[in-house]
């Protein structure tokens, strides 16, 4: 078995929206989780959205939008600026992170549901407070994936190319695209 070493790396982040599938009578299906990641090449392997159980999460409706979005309350100001809402939005409701546990969302482009899970590793340092989780990539993702019995999808082969698990639009794409995000 090979040993894996981890190093702190500064990466460009991306965020994307995943529509609520089962909001457990707390969130409506016209609501979207705004998910944040510094590893966009792992999105095809996404199996969960991690939220911090002790955080409060706001359900926000930007002016002129029929959609609502979930963002950690502590990060709402920076998220509103990043997404162009400014101060022109309404907080429709606030929910506890622990109440989001085991809701489901639609993967952003694959035909599968994503589980919302509680993770103490989620911080309010950056992003949205909702963290993309791919158990096949990264120590935190693997550990929480084991806790929730999530499948491990490895969408990158030994040569650094996306596999069929990445989907037809990405199969065969070199991981060198990662360099575009640094």
C-alpha atoms as a PDB file:
ATOM      1  CA  UNK A   1       0.000   0.000   0.000  1.00  0.00           C
ATOM      2  CA  UNK A   2       1.354   3.421  -0.923  1.00  0.00           C
ATOM      3  CA  UNK A   3       1.666   6.207   1.597  1.00  0.00           C
ATOM      4  CA  UNK A   4      -0.044   9.464   0.733  1.00  0.00           C
ATOM      5  CA  UNK A   5       1.424  12.737   1.904  1.00  0.00           C
ATOM      6  CA  UNK A   6      -0.673  15.880   2.113  1.00  0.00           C
ATOM      7  CA  UNK A   7       0.659  19.392   1.764  1.00  0.00           C
ATOM      8  CA  UNK A   8      -1.115  22.692   2.250  1.00  0.00           C
ATOM      9  CA  UNK A   9      -1.685  24.266  -1.145  1.00  0.00           C
ATOM     10  CA  UNK A  10      -3.401  27.541  -1.961  1.00  0.00           C
ATOM     11  CA  UNK A  11      -5.978  26.932  -4.678  1.00  0.00           C
ATOM     12  CA  UNK A  12      -8.530  28.948  -6.534  1.00  0.00           C
ATOM     13  CA  UNK A  13     -12.009  28.045  -5.397  1.00  0.00           C
ATOM     14  CA  UNK A  14     -15.237  27.572  -7.310  1.00  0.00           C
ATOM     15  CA  UNK A  15     -18.819  27.371  -6.179  1.00  0.00           C
ATOM     16  CA  UNK A  16     -21.866  25.837  -7.796  1.00  0.00           C
ATOM     17  CA  UNK A  17     -25.521  25.287  -6.969  1.00  0.00           C
ATOM     18  CA  UNK A  18     -27.153  21.946  -6.256  1.00  0.00           C
ATOM     19  CA  UNK A  19     -30.956  21.853  -6.155  1.00  0.00           C
ATOM     20  CA  UNK A  20     -32.657  20.445  -3.067  1.00  0.00           C
ATOM     21  CA  UNK A  21     -34.297  17.083  -3.808  1.00  0.00           C
ATOM     22  CA  UNK A  22     -35.492  16.157  -0.313  1.00  0.00           C
ATOM     23  CA  UNK A  23     -35.528  19.070   2.113  1.00  0.00           C
ATOM     24  CA  UNK A  24     -37.134  17.036   4.929  1.00  0.00           C
ATOM     25  CA  UNK A  25     -40.044  19.515   5.103  1.00  0.00           C
ATOM     26  CA  UNK A  26     -37.556  22.246   6.062  1.00  0.00           C
ATOM     27  CA  UNK A  27     -36.337  23.358   2.615  1.00  0.00           C
ATOM     28  CA  UNK A  28     -38.411  23.633  -0.557  1.00  0.00           C
ATOM     29  CA  UNK A  29     -37.434  22.095  -3.893  1.00  0.00           C
ATOM     30  CA  UNK A  30     -36.902  25.579  -5.379  1.00  0.00           C
ATOM     31  CA  UNK A  31     -33.951  25.990  -3.020  1.00  0.00           C
ATOM     32  CA  UNK A  32     -30.310  25.452  -3.967  1.00  0.00           C
ATOM     33  CA  UNK A  33     -27.272  24.689  -1.840  1.00  0.00           C
ATOM     34  CA  UNK A  34     -24.344  26.884  -2.896  1.00  0.00           C
ATOM     35  CA  UNK A  35     -21.464  24.442  -2.635  1.00  0.00           C
ATOM     36  CA  UNK A  36     -17.820  25.512  -2.441  1.00  0.00           C
ATOM     37  CA  UNK A  37     -14.639  23.651  -3.368  1.00  0.00           C
ATOM     38  CA  UNK A  38     -10.956  24.223  -4.033  1.00  0.00           C
ATOM     39  CA  UNK A  39     -10.783  20.946  -6.000  1.00  0.00           C
ATOM     40  CA  UNK A  40     -13.104  21.330  -8.996  1.00  0.00           C
ATOM     41  CA  UNK A  41     -11.656  18.289 -10.788  1.00  0.00           C
ATOM     42  CA  UNK A  42     -13.252  16.141  -8.059  1.00  0.00           C
ATOM     43  CA  UNK A  43     -16.821  17.388  -8.662  1.00  0.00           C
ATOM     44  CA  UNK A  44     -17.647  14.306 -10.789  1.00  0.00           C
ATOM     45  CA  UNK A  45     -16.868  12.194  -7.698  1.00  0.00           C
ATOM     46  CA  UNK A  46     -19.037  14.323  -5.408  1.00  0.00           C
ATOM     47  CA  UNK A  47     -21.170  12.250  -3.067  1.00  0.00           C
ATOM     48  CA  UNK A  48     -22.076  14.773  -0.376  1.00  0.00           C
ATOM     49  CA  UNK A  49     -22.325  18.358   0.773  1.00  0.00           C
ATOM     50  CA  UNK A  50     -20.780  18.855   4.207  1.00  0.00           C
ATOM     51  CA  UNK A  51     -22.236  21.475   6.549  1.00  0.00           C
ATOM     52  CA  UNK A  52     -21.151  22.365  10.054  1.00  0.00           C
ATOM     53  CA  UNK A  53     -23.824  21.191  12.512  1.00  0.00           C
ATOM     54  CA  UNK A  54     -23.182  24.136  14.846  1.00  0.00           C
ATOM     55  CA  UNK A  55     -23.503  26.825  12.141  1.00  0.00           C
ATOM     56  CA  UNK A  56     -26.671  28.689  11.302  1.00  0.00           C
ATOM     57  CA  UNK A  57     -27.570  28.631   7.600  1.00  0.00           C
ATOM     58  CA  UNK A  58     -29.636  31.289   5.858  1.00  0.00           C
ATOM     59  CA  UNK A  59     -32.098  30.576   3.076  1.00  0.00           C
ATOM     60  CA  UNK A  60     -31.715  33.653   0.885  1.00  0.00           C
ATOM     61  CA  UNK A  61     -33.838  34.904  -1.997  1.00  0.00           C
ATOM     62  CA  UNK A  62     -32.088  37.506  -4.147  1.00  0.00           C
ATOM     63  CA  UNK A  63     -34.295  40.296  -5.482  1.00  0.00           C
ATOM     64  CA  UNK A  64     -35.896  39.348  -8.795  1.00  0.00           C
ATOM     65  CA  UNK A  65     -35.118  35.636  -8.414  1.00  0.00           C
ATOM     66  CA  UNK A  66     -37.590  32.824  -7.922  1.00  0.00           C
ATOM     67  CA  UNK A  67     -34.784  30.653  -6.574  1.00  0.00           C
ATOM     68  CA  UNK A  68     -33.606  30.521  -2.988  1.00  0.00           C
ATOM     69  CA  UNK A  69     -30.076  29.691  -1.898  1.00  0.00           C
ATOM     70  CA  UNK A  70     -28.561  28.232   1.272  1.00  0.00           C
ATOM     71  CA  UNK A  71     -25.416  29.887   2.657  1.00  0.00           C
ATOM     72  CA  UNK A  72     -23.829  29.868   6.124  1.00  0.00           C
ATOM     73  CA  UNK A  73     -25.017  32.916   8.042  1.00  0.00           C
ATOM     74  CA  UNK A  74     -21.439  33.860   8.953  1.00  0.00           C
ATOM     75  CA  UNK A  75     -20.507  33.964   5.245  1.00  0.00           C
ATOM     76  CA  UNK A  76     -23.651  35.596   3.862  1.00  0.00           C
ATOM     77  CA  UNK A  77     -22.105  39.060   3.452  1.00  0.00           C
ATOM     78  CA  UNK A  78     -19.142  37.846   1.414  1.00  0.00           C
ATOM     79  CA  UNK A  79     -21.307  35.422  -0.575  1.00  0.00           C
ATOM     80  CA  UNK A  80     -23.838  38.156  -1.409  1.00  0.00           C
ATOM     81  CA  UNK A  81     -21.028  40.308  -2.783  1.00  0.00           C
ATOM     82  CA  UNK A  82     -19.441  37.414  -4.695  1.00  0.00           C
ATOM     83  CA  UNK A  83     -22.725  36.435  -6.369  1.00  0.00           C
ATOM     84  CA  UNK A  84     -23.759  39.995  -7.210  1.00  0.00           C
ATOM     85  CA  UNK A  85     -26.664  40.240  -4.782  1.00  0.00           C
ATOM     86  CA  UNK A  86     -25.161  43.166  -2.888  1.00  0.00           C
ATOM     87  CA  UNK A  87     -27.690  44.047  -0.201  1.00  0.00           C
ATOM     88  CA  UNK A  88     -30.631  43.247  -2.456  1.00  0.00           C
ATOM     89  CA  UNK A  89     -31.845  39.952  -0.991  1.00  0.00           C
ATOM     90  CA  UNK A  90     -34.186  38.640   1.667  1.00  0.00           C
ATOM     91  CA  UNK A  91     -33.336  36.067   4.327  1.00  0.00           C
ATOM     92  CA  UNK A  92     -36.404  33.833   4.074  1.00  0.00           C
ATOM     93  CA  UNK A  93     -35.455  31.600   7.004  1.00  0.00           C
ATOM     94  CA  UNK A  94     -32.525  30.504   9.109  1.00  0.00           C
ATOM     95  CA  UNK A  95     -31.901  26.858   9.995  1.00  0.00           C
ATOM     96  CA  UNK A  96     -29.390  25.051  12.154  1.00  0.00           C
ATOM     97  CA  UNK A  97     -26.720  23.078  10.295  1.00  0.00           C
ATOM     98  CA  UNK A  98     -27.618  19.929  12.205  1.00  0.00           C
ATOM     99  CA  UNK A  99     -31.145  20.165  10.741  1.00  0.00           C
ATOM    100  CA  UNK A 100     -29.736  19.894   7.203  1.00  0.00           C
ATOM    101  CA  UNK A 101     -28.217  16.471   7.929  1.00  0.00           C
ATOM    102  CA  UNK A 102     -29.385  13.754   5.517  1.00  0.00           C
ATOM    103  CA  UNK A 103     -31.254  16.068   3.181  1.00  0.00           C
ATOM    104  CA  UNK A 104     -30.512  15.362  -0.466  1.00  0.00           C
ATOM    105  CA  UNK A 105     -29.625  17.469  -3.487  1.00  0.00           C
ATOM    106  CA  UNK A 106     -29.221  16.848  -7.199  1.00  0.00           C
ATOM    107  CA  UNK A 107     -25.628  16.453  -8.430  1.00  0.00           C
ATOM    108  CA  UNK A 108     -24.858  19.513 -10.594  1.00  0.00           C
ATOM    109  CA  UNK A 109     -24.664  17.539 -13.848  1.00  0.00           C
ATOM    110  CA  UNK A 110     -24.836  13.799 -13.183  1.00  0.00           C
ATOM    111  CA  UNK A 111     -27.946  11.713 -12.642  1.00  0.00           C
ATOM    112  CA  UNK A 112     -27.563  11.043  -8.933  1.00  0.00           C
ATOM    113  CA  UNK A 113     -28.508  12.479  -5.587  1.00  0.00           C
ATOM    114  CA  UNK A 114     -25.996  13.984  -3.182  1.00  0.00           C
ATOM    115  CA  UNK A 115     -26.381  13.553   0.576  1.00  0.00           C
ATOM    116  CA  UNK A 116     -26.079  16.534   2.932  1.00  0.00           C
ATOM    117  CA  UNK A 117     -23.924  15.547   5.903  1.00  0.00           C
ATOM    118  CA  UNK A 118     -22.667  17.123   9.113  1.00  0.00           C
ATOM    119  CA  UNK A 119     -18.937  17.755   9.299  1.00  0.00           C
ATOM    120  CA  UNK A 120     -17.015  19.555  12.016  1.00  0.00           C
ATOM    121  CA  UNK A 121     -14.212  20.181   9.484  1.00  0.00           C
ATOM    122  CA  UNK A 122     -16.386  22.799   7.724  1.00  0.00           C
ATOM    123  CA  UNK A 123     -15.180  26.276   8.672  1.00  0.00           C
ATOM    124  CA  UNK A 124     -16.355  29.842   8.140  1.00  0.00           C
ATOM    125  CA  UNK A 125     -12.937  30.997   6.900  1.00  0.00           C
ATOM    126  CA  UNK A 126     -13.950  31.119   3.232  1.00  0.00           C
ATOM    127  CA  UNK A 127     -16.578  29.895   0.807  1.00  0.00           C
ATOM    128  CA  UNK A 128     -20.219  29.319   1.653  1.00  0.00           C
ATOM    129  CA  UNK A 129     -20.114  26.976   4.645  1.00  0.00           C
ATOM    130  CA  UNK A 130     -21.280  24.134   2.376  1.00  0.00           C
ATOM    131  CA  UNK A 131     -18.352  22.018   1.242  1.00  0.00           C
ATOM    132  CA  UNK A 132     -18.214  19.651  -1.725  1.00  0.00           C
ATOM    133  CA  UNK A 133     -17.298  16.167  -0.522  1.00  0.00           C
ATOM    134  CA  UNK A 134     -15.695  13.473  -2.688  1.00  0.00           C
ATOM    135  CA  UNK A 135     -14.576  10.564  -0.455  1.00  0.00           C
ATOM    136  CA  UNK A 136     -12.035   9.350  -3.029  1.00  0.00           C
ATOM    137  CA  UNK A 137     -10.092  12.613  -2.704  1.00  0.00           C
ATOM    138  CA  UNK A 138      -8.712  14.053   0.505  1.00  0.00           C
ATOM    139  CA  UNK A 139      -8.355  12.969   4.088  1.00  0.00           C
ATOM    140  CA  UNK A 140     -11.383  14.830   5.506  1.00  0.00           C
ATOM    141  CA  UNK A 141     -13.609  13.674   2.657  1.00  0.00           C
ATOM    142  CA  UNK A 142     -12.523  10.061   3.087  1.00  0.00           C
ATOM    143  CA  UNK A 143     -13.060  10.080   6.869  1.00  0.00           C
ATOM    144  CA  UNK A 144     -16.526  11.603   6.727  1.00  0.00           C
ATOM    145  CA  UNK A 145     -17.380   9.386   3.770  1.00  0.00           C
ATOM    146  CA  UNK A 146     -16.609   6.357   5.921  1.00  0.00           C
ATOM    147  CA  UNK A 147     -18.784   7.734   8.732  1.00  0.00           C
ATOM    148  CA  UNK A 148     -21.739   8.131   6.343  1.00  0.00           C
ATOM    149  CA  UNK A 149     -20.939   4.990   4.319  1.00  0.00           C
ATOM    150  CA  UNK A 150     -20.586   6.985   1.099  1.00  0.00           C
ATOM    151  CA  UNK A 151     -19.325   5.350  -2.095  1.00  0.00           C
ATOM    152  CA  UNK A 152     -15.809   6.150  -3.224  1.00  0.00           C
ATOM    153  CA  UNK A 153     -15.622   7.238  -6.838  1.00  0.00           C
ATOM    154  CA  UNK A 154     -12.186   7.601  -8.393  1.00  0.00           C
ATOM    155  CA  UNK A 155     -12.641   9.580 -11.580  1.00  0.00           C
ATOM    156  CA  UNK A 156      -8.924  10.020 -12.322  1.00  0.00           C
ATOM    157  CA  UNK A 157      -6.670   7.217 -13.577  1.00  0.00           C
ATOM    158  CA  UNK A 158      -3.011   6.527 -12.757  1.00  0.00           C
ATOM    159  CA  UNK A 159      -1.894   8.719 -15.667  1.00  0.00           C
ATOM    160  CA  UNK A 160      -3.890  11.729 -14.459  1.00  0.00           C
ATOM    161  CA  UNK A 161      -6.763  11.511 -16.948  1.00  0.00           C
ATOM    162  CA  UNK A 162     -10.452  11.611 -16.142  1.00  0.00           C
ATOM    163  CA  UNK A 163     -12.151   8.219 -16.402  1.00  0.00           C
ATOM    164  CA  UNK A 164     -15.660   7.317 -17.548  1.00  0.00           C
ATOM    165  CA  UNK A 165     -16.823   7.947 -13.956  1.00  0.00           C
ATOM    166  CA  UNK A 166     -16.244  11.658 -14.646  1.00  0.00           C
ATOM    167  CA  UNK A 167     -18.978  11.578 -17.274  1.00  0.00           C
ATOM    168  CA  UNK A 168     -18.850  11.691 -21.066  1.00  0.00           C
ATOM    169  CA  UNK A 169     -17.952  15.389 -21.217  1.00  0.00           C
ATOM    170  CA  UNK A 170     -14.831  14.885 -19.104  1.00  0.00           C
ATOM    171  CA  UNK A 171     -13.661  11.344 -19.876  1.00  0.00           C
ATOM    172  CA  UNK A 172     -10.117  11.495 -21.229  1.00  0.00           C
ATOM    173  CA  UNK A 173      -9.464  15.066 -20.068  1.00  0.00           C
ATOM    174  CA  UNK A 174      -6.011  15.480 -18.550  1.00  0.00           C
ATOM    175  CA  UNK A 175      -5.662  16.547 -14.956  1.00  0.00           C
ATOM    176  CA  UNK A 176      -3.395  19.246 -16.343  1.00  0.00           C
ATOM    177  CA  UNK A 177      -6.613  21.269 -16.417  1.00  0.00           C
ATOM    178  CA  UNK A 178      -6.019  21.504 -12.686  1.00  0.00           C
ATOM    179  CA  UNK A 179      -3.183  23.863 -13.481  1.00  0.00           C
ATOM    180  CA  UNK A 180      -5.728  26.283 -14.922  1.00  0.00           C
ATOM    181  CA  UNK A 181      -7.203  26.689 -11.455  1.00  0.00           C
ATOM    182  CA  UNK A 182      -3.919  27.672  -9.769  1.00  0.00           C
END
